[in-house]
Protein backbone atom coordinates (compact mmCIF):
# COMPACT_ATOMS: atom_id res chain seq x y z
CA MET A 1 0.00 0.00 0.00
CA VAL A 2 1.13 3.54 -0.82
CA GLN A 3 0.03 6.52 1.27
CA ILE A 4 -0.13 9.85 -0.56
CA HIS A 5 -0.69 13.11 1.32
CA VAL A 6 -2.21 15.85 -0.85
CA VAL A 7 -2.78 19.54 -0.15
CA SER A 8 -4.28 22.29 -2.27
CA ASP A 9 -5.24 25.93 -1.77
CA VAL A 10 -2.70 26.56 0.96
CA HIS A 11 -3.25 30.33 0.66
CA GLY A 12 -0.70 31.46 3.20
CA ALA A 13 -1.03 28.65 5.77
CA ALA A 14 2.72 28.05 5.87
CA GLN A 15 3.03 26.70 9.39
CA ALA A 16 0.36 24.06 8.74
CA LEU A 17 2.62 22.59 6.03
CA VAL A 18 5.25 21.66 8.61
CA GLY A 19 4.84 17.95 9.27
CA ALA A 20 2.05 17.53 6.69
CA ASP A 21 4.10 14.73 5.12
CA VAL A 22 4.52 12.68 8.32
CA GLY A 23 3.61 9.07 7.55
CA ALA A 24 3.39 9.68 3.80
CA ASP A 25 5.18 7.77 1.06
CA LEU A 26 4.58 10.76 -1.22
CA PHE A 27 3.64 14.39 -0.62
CA VAL A 28 1.78 16.36 -3.31
CA CYS A 29 0.80 20.03 -3.47
CA LEU A 30 -1.77 21.17 -6.04
CA GLY A 31 -1.02 24.87 -5.81
CA ASP A 32 -2.61 28.17 -4.85
CA LEU A 33 0.03 29.07 -2.29
CA ILE A 34 -0.56 32.83 -2.26
CA LEU A 35 -3.26 34.55 -0.18
CA TYR A 36 -4.49 37.64 -1.98
CA LEU A 37 -7.92 37.79 -0.39
CA ASP A 38 -9.43 35.84 2.52
CA TYR A 39 -13.19 35.41 2.14
CA GLU A 40 -13.48 34.12 5.71
CA ASP A 41 -11.27 36.79 7.29
CA PRO A 42 -11.04 40.02 5.25
CA SER A 43 -8.27 41.29 7.54
CA GLN A 44 -5.88 38.73 6.03
CA GLY A 45 -4.12 38.64 2.67
CA ILE A 46 -2.29 40.98 0.32
CA TYR A 47 -5.36 43.11 -0.44
CA ALA A 48 -5.87 43.81 3.26
CA GLU A 49 -2.19 44.67 3.65
CA LEU A 50 -2.34 47.10 0.75
CA PHE A 51 -5.80 48.63 1.10
CA GLY A 52 -7.12 47.76 4.55
CA GLU A 53 -9.77 45.40 5.88
CA GLN A 54 -12.78 47.55 4.93
CA HIS A 55 -11.82 47.63 1.26
CA SER A 56 -11.24 43.86 1.30
CA ARG A 57 -14.66 43.32 2.87
CA GLU A 58 -16.42 45.46 0.24
CA TYR A 59 -14.47 43.83 -2.58
CA ILE A 60 -15.38 40.35 -1.32
CA GLN A 61 -19.06 41.33 -1.06
CA ALA A 62 -19.07 42.54 -4.67
CA ARG A 63 -17.40 39.40 -5.99
CA THR A 64 -19.63 37.12 -3.93
CA ALA A 65 -22.65 38.85 -5.43
CA GLY A 66 -21.23 38.33 -8.93
CA GLN A 67 -20.81 42.08 -9.39
CA TYR A 68 -17.43 41.80 -11.07
CA GLU A 69 -17.53 45.23 -12.72
CA GLN A 70 -18.22 46.84 -9.36
CA ALA A 71 -15.39 44.83 -7.81
CA ARG A 72 -13.01 46.04 -10.53
CA ALA A 73 -14.14 49.63 -9.95
CA LEU A 74 -13.41 49.24 -6.23
CA SER A 75 -10.00 47.81 -7.04
CA THR A 76 -9.18 50.58 -9.52
CA ALA A 77 -10.10 53.23 -6.95
CA ALA A 78 -8.01 51.54 -4.27
CA TRP A 79 -4.97 51.37 -6.54
CA ALA A 80 -5.46 55.00 -7.52
CA GLY A 81 -5.41 55.83 -3.82
CA LEU A 82 -1.88 54.44 -3.76
CA GLY A 83 -0.96 56.53 -6.78
CA ILE A 84 -0.99 53.54 -9.15
CA VAL A 85 -3.08 54.07 -12.28
CA ASP A 86 -1.52 51.75 -14.86
CA PRO A 87 -2.72 48.13 -14.28
CA LEU A 88 0.72 46.91 -15.36
CA ASP A 89 2.24 48.60 -12.30
CA ARG A 90 0.04 46.67 -9.88
CA ARG A 91 2.05 43.44 -10.09
CA ALA A 92 5.24 45.32 -9.29
CA ALA A 93 3.54 46.87 -6.25
CA MET A 94 2.47 43.44 -5.01
CA GLU A 95 5.73 41.66 -5.75
CA THR A 96 7.28 42.26 -2.32
CA HIS A 97 4.19 40.80 -0.64
CA ILE A 98 4.07 37.84 -3.02
CA ARG A 99 7.75 37.04 -2.61
CA ARG A 100 7.48 37.17 1.16
CA GLN A 101 4.61 34.69 1.10
CA TYR A 102 6.40 32.39 -1.35
CA ALA A 103 9.51 32.42 0.84
CA GLU A 104 7.39 31.34 3.82
CA MET A 105 5.48 28.72 1.82
CA PHE A 106 8.46 26.99 0.26
CA SER A 107 10.49 27.13 3.46
CA ALA A 108 7.73 25.19 5.22
CA MET A 109 6.88 22.91 2.25
CA PRO A 110 7.88 19.29 2.96
CA GLU A 111 10.45 17.63 0.76
CA PRO A 112 10.53 15.53 -1.24
CA ALA A 113 7.33 16.77 -2.86
CA LEU A 114 5.61 16.88 -6.22
CA LEU A 115 4.03 20.26 -6.92
CA THR A 116 1.89 21.84 -9.59
CA TYR A 117 0.55 25.37 -10.02
CA GLY A 118 -2.80 26.78 -8.96
CA ASN A 119 -4.65 29.54 -10.77
CA VAL A 120 -3.46 32.25 -8.36
CA ASP A 121 0.19 31.20 -8.56
CA LEU A 122 2.93 32.90 -10.56
CA PRO A 123 4.98 30.09 -12.14
CA PRO A 124 8.00 32.24 -13.12
CA MET A 125 8.61 33.08 -9.45
CA TRP A 126 8.67 29.50 -8.17
CA ALA A 127 12.22 28.81 -9.35
CA ASP A 128 13.51 31.39 -6.87
CA PHE A 129 12.12 29.49 -3.89
CA LEU A 130 12.10 25.76 -4.70
CA LYS A 131 14.16 23.47 -2.47
CA PRO A 132 16.23 20.55 -3.84
CA GLY A 133 13.52 18.02 -3.00
CA HIS A 134 10.75 19.91 -4.80
CA GLN A 135 9.76 18.69 -8.25
CA VAL A 136 7.32 20.85 -10.23
CA VAL A 137 5.17 18.81 -12.61
CA ASP A 138 2.81 20.47 -15.09
CA GLY A 139 1.60 18.69 -18.19
CA ALA A 140 3.71 15.63 -17.43
CA VAL A 141 3.64 12.19 -15.82
CA VAL A 142 5.70 10.94 -12.88
CA GLU A 143 6.05 7.24 -12.14
CA PHE A 144 5.99 6.36 -8.46
CA ALA A 145 5.66 2.94 -6.82
CA GLY A 146 4.44 1.44 -10.07
CA LEU A 147 1.79 4.15 -10.51
CA ARG A 148 1.53 6.68 -13.32
CA LEU A 149 0.72 10.07 -11.81
CA GLY A 150 -0.40 12.79 -14.25
CA PHE A 151 -0.34 16.51 -13.43
CA VAL A 152 -1.91 19.56 -15.05
CA GLY A 153 -1.66 22.87 -13.20
CA GLY A 154 -3.37 26.23 -13.45
CA GLY A 155 -6.96 27.25 -14.03
CA LEU A 156 -9.16 28.26 -16.96
CA THR A 157 -9.94 31.74 -18.21
CA SER A 158 -12.57 33.20 -15.87
CA PRO A 159 -14.16 36.50 -14.77
CA MET A 160 -11.77 36.44 -11.79
CA ARG A 161 -8.76 37.13 -14.03
CA THR A 162 -6.36 35.28 -11.74
CA PRO A 163 -2.65 35.12 -12.66
CA TYR A 164 -2.34 31.60 -14.10
CA GLU A 165 -5.39 31.01 -16.27
CA LEU A 166 -5.22 29.05 -19.51
CA ASP A 167 -7.28 29.03 -22.66
CA PRO A 168 -9.57 25.96 -22.56
CA GLN A 169 -8.11 24.58 -25.80
CA ALA A 170 -4.56 24.87 -24.50
CA TYR A 171 -5.59 23.19 -21.26
CA ALA A 172 -7.27 20.34 -23.16
CA ALA A 173 -4.16 19.85 -25.30
CA THR A 174 -2.00 19.59 -22.18
CA LEU A 175 -4.31 16.95 -20.74
CA GLU A 176 -4.25 14.89 -23.91
CA GLN A 177 -0.45 14.75 -23.97
CA LEU A 178 -0.44 12.89 -20.63
CA GLU A 179 -1.68 9.64 -22.13
CA PRO A 180 -3.18 7.11 -19.66
CA VAL A 181 -2.47 7.60 -15.95
CA ASP A 182 -3.48 5.82 -12.77
CA ILE A 183 -4.10 9.00 -10.77
CA LEU A 184 -4.82 12.39 -12.30
CA PHE A 185 -3.83 15.47 -10.28
CA THR A 186 -5.11 18.90 -11.31
CA HIS A 187 -5.75 22.15 -9.51
CA ILE A 188 -9.24 22.62 -10.93
CA PRO A 189 -12.15 20.15 -10.91
CA PRO A 190 -13.96 18.55 -13.82
CA LYS A 191 -17.09 20.34 -14.99
CA SER A 192 -19.75 19.23 -12.53
CA ALA A 193 -22.56 21.11 -10.81
CA VAL A 194 -22.04 19.29 -7.51
CA LEU A 195 -18.24 19.64 -7.54
CA ASN A 196 -18.02 23.21 -8.89
CA TYR A 197 -20.47 25.00 -6.60
CA ASP A 198 -18.97 26.80 -3.59
CA VAL A 199 -21.62 27.04 -0.86
CA ILE A 200 -19.90 29.94 0.96
CA ALA A 201 -18.86 32.05 -2.04
CA ARG A 202 -22.29 31.18 -3.53
CA ARG A 203 -21.07 30.70 -7.05
CA PHE A 204 -19.97 28.03 -9.51
CA GLU A 205 -16.19 27.90 -9.84
CA THR A 206 -14.77 27.08 -13.25
CA GLY A 207 -14.48 23.38 -13.99
CA SER A 208 -12.95 21.81 -17.09
CA SER A 209 -15.01 19.78 -19.55
CA ALA A 210 -11.67 18.61 -21.00
CA ILE A 211 -11.01 16.85 -17.69
CA ASN A 212 -14.37 15.08 -18.04
CA ALA A 213 -13.46 13.97 -21.56
CA TYR A 214 -10.04 12.73 -20.46
CA ILE A 215 -11.50 10.80 -17.51
CA GLU A 216 -14.23 9.26 -19.66
CA ARG A 217 -11.62 8.09 -22.14
CA VAL A 218 -8.85 6.95 -19.76
CA GLN A 219 -10.80 6.04 -16.59
CA PRO A 220 -8.00 6.53 -14.01
CA LYS A 221 -8.78 5.15 -10.57
CA TYR A 222 -8.69 8.61 -8.97
CA HIS A 223 -8.79 12.27 -9.94
CA LEU A 224 -7.63 14.58 -7.13
CA PHE A 225 -8.04 18.36 -7.28
CA GLY A 226 -8.73 21.48 -5.19
CA HIS A 227 -9.79 25.02 -6.21
CA VAL A 228 -13.36 24.92 -4.83
CA HIS A 229 -12.95 25.79 -1.17
CA GLN A 230 -16.36 24.80 0.20
CA PRO A 231 -17.87 22.43 -2.39
CA LEU A 232 -21.45 21.25 -2.40
CA HIS A 233 -20.02 17.72 -2.60
CA GLN A 234 -16.44 16.63 -2.02
CA ARG A 235 -16.67 13.50 -4.19
CA ALA A 236 -18.38 12.31 -7.34
CA ARG A 237 -17.83 9.54 -9.87
CA ILE A 238 -17.30 9.78 -13.58
CA GLY A 239 -17.55 6.20 -14.78
CA LYS A 240 -15.03 4.19 -12.76
CA THR A 241 -13.08 7.26 -11.66
CA GLU A 242 -13.55 8.69 -8.19
CA CYS A 243 -13.14 12.47 -8.36
CA ILE A 244 -12.13 13.94 -5.00
CA ASN A 245 -11.72 17.52 -3.82
CA VAL A 246 -8.76 17.24 -1.43
CA GLY A 247 -9.96 20.24 0.57
CA HIS A 248 -9.16 23.85 1.33
CA PHE A 249 -5.87 23.38 3.20
CA ASN A 250 -5.91 26.94 4.52
CA ALA A 251 -9.04 26.01 6.49
CA ARG A 252 -8.47 22.26 7.08
CA ARG A 253 -4.80 22.51 8.11
CA THR A 254 -4.48 18.78 7.46
CA PRO A 255 -3.63 16.98 4.20
CA PHE A 256 -5.99 14.68 2.36
CA VAL A 257 -4.70 11.12 2.69
CA LEU A 258 -5.10 8.68 -0.19
CA THR A 259 -4.12 5.05 0.29
CA VAL A 260 -3.80 3.02 -2.88
CA ASP A 261 -2.38 -0.38 -3.76
CA GLN A 262 1.09 -0.12 -5.17
CA GLY A 263 1.09 -0.39 -8.94
CA THR A 264 -2.64 -1.12 -9.20
CA GLY A 265 -4.13 2.34 -9.42
CA ARG A 266 -5.73 2.40 -12.88
CA GLY A 267 -9.05 0.66 -13.19
């Protein structure tokens, strides 16, 4: 038997990563390390550091209500208050905050570990913080204990305009190049009403129909993902494949534990 510990949506919970690999044969992180905005605690995250808790609270309320244009107007006004008008200058203003969080995240990240990107991550920055035991896998397969583990990171283009979003066709092409795997790891879920709906944010997060197509064709034993913090359902089946949301690690503070027979993952 192989025990795999999986985390996703760490969003700043660095200290909870310490020891998250204890008892595991393999540790996996499915991304979203940075905390820009905390829907549960508006006083936390980069937006609160830059603009204050009240702005974060109003911005969260607008996004939760699906009022994305209003949220962008609030953001534009907040940036203007800092003297930043050009949207291209915003990333530079946040870089110090992002780098501080990444330094904390990767310092606490167990090793060895397999990692892939979430939709709020900035892939070009990761190389500055990775430790020797960290292996980033995106659009590739790793063989471990006789199992083929496939990874696709990032999210899909959405109204949220998060940093690492991919065109659906490009995402589908990356999936197809994996070929058959025993366990599929992605940051985002398949397209599914029960898996995509966040009961706290009160909205459907973006799922990938390309993941559905891949699962229907390949039928891996498991598909593990994150992205939806408070899903309507944590698990659902597509054919023989059990699709599992590994949980919002920032809130859970414990990894999801998958135990699978060595070398017998694919159904």
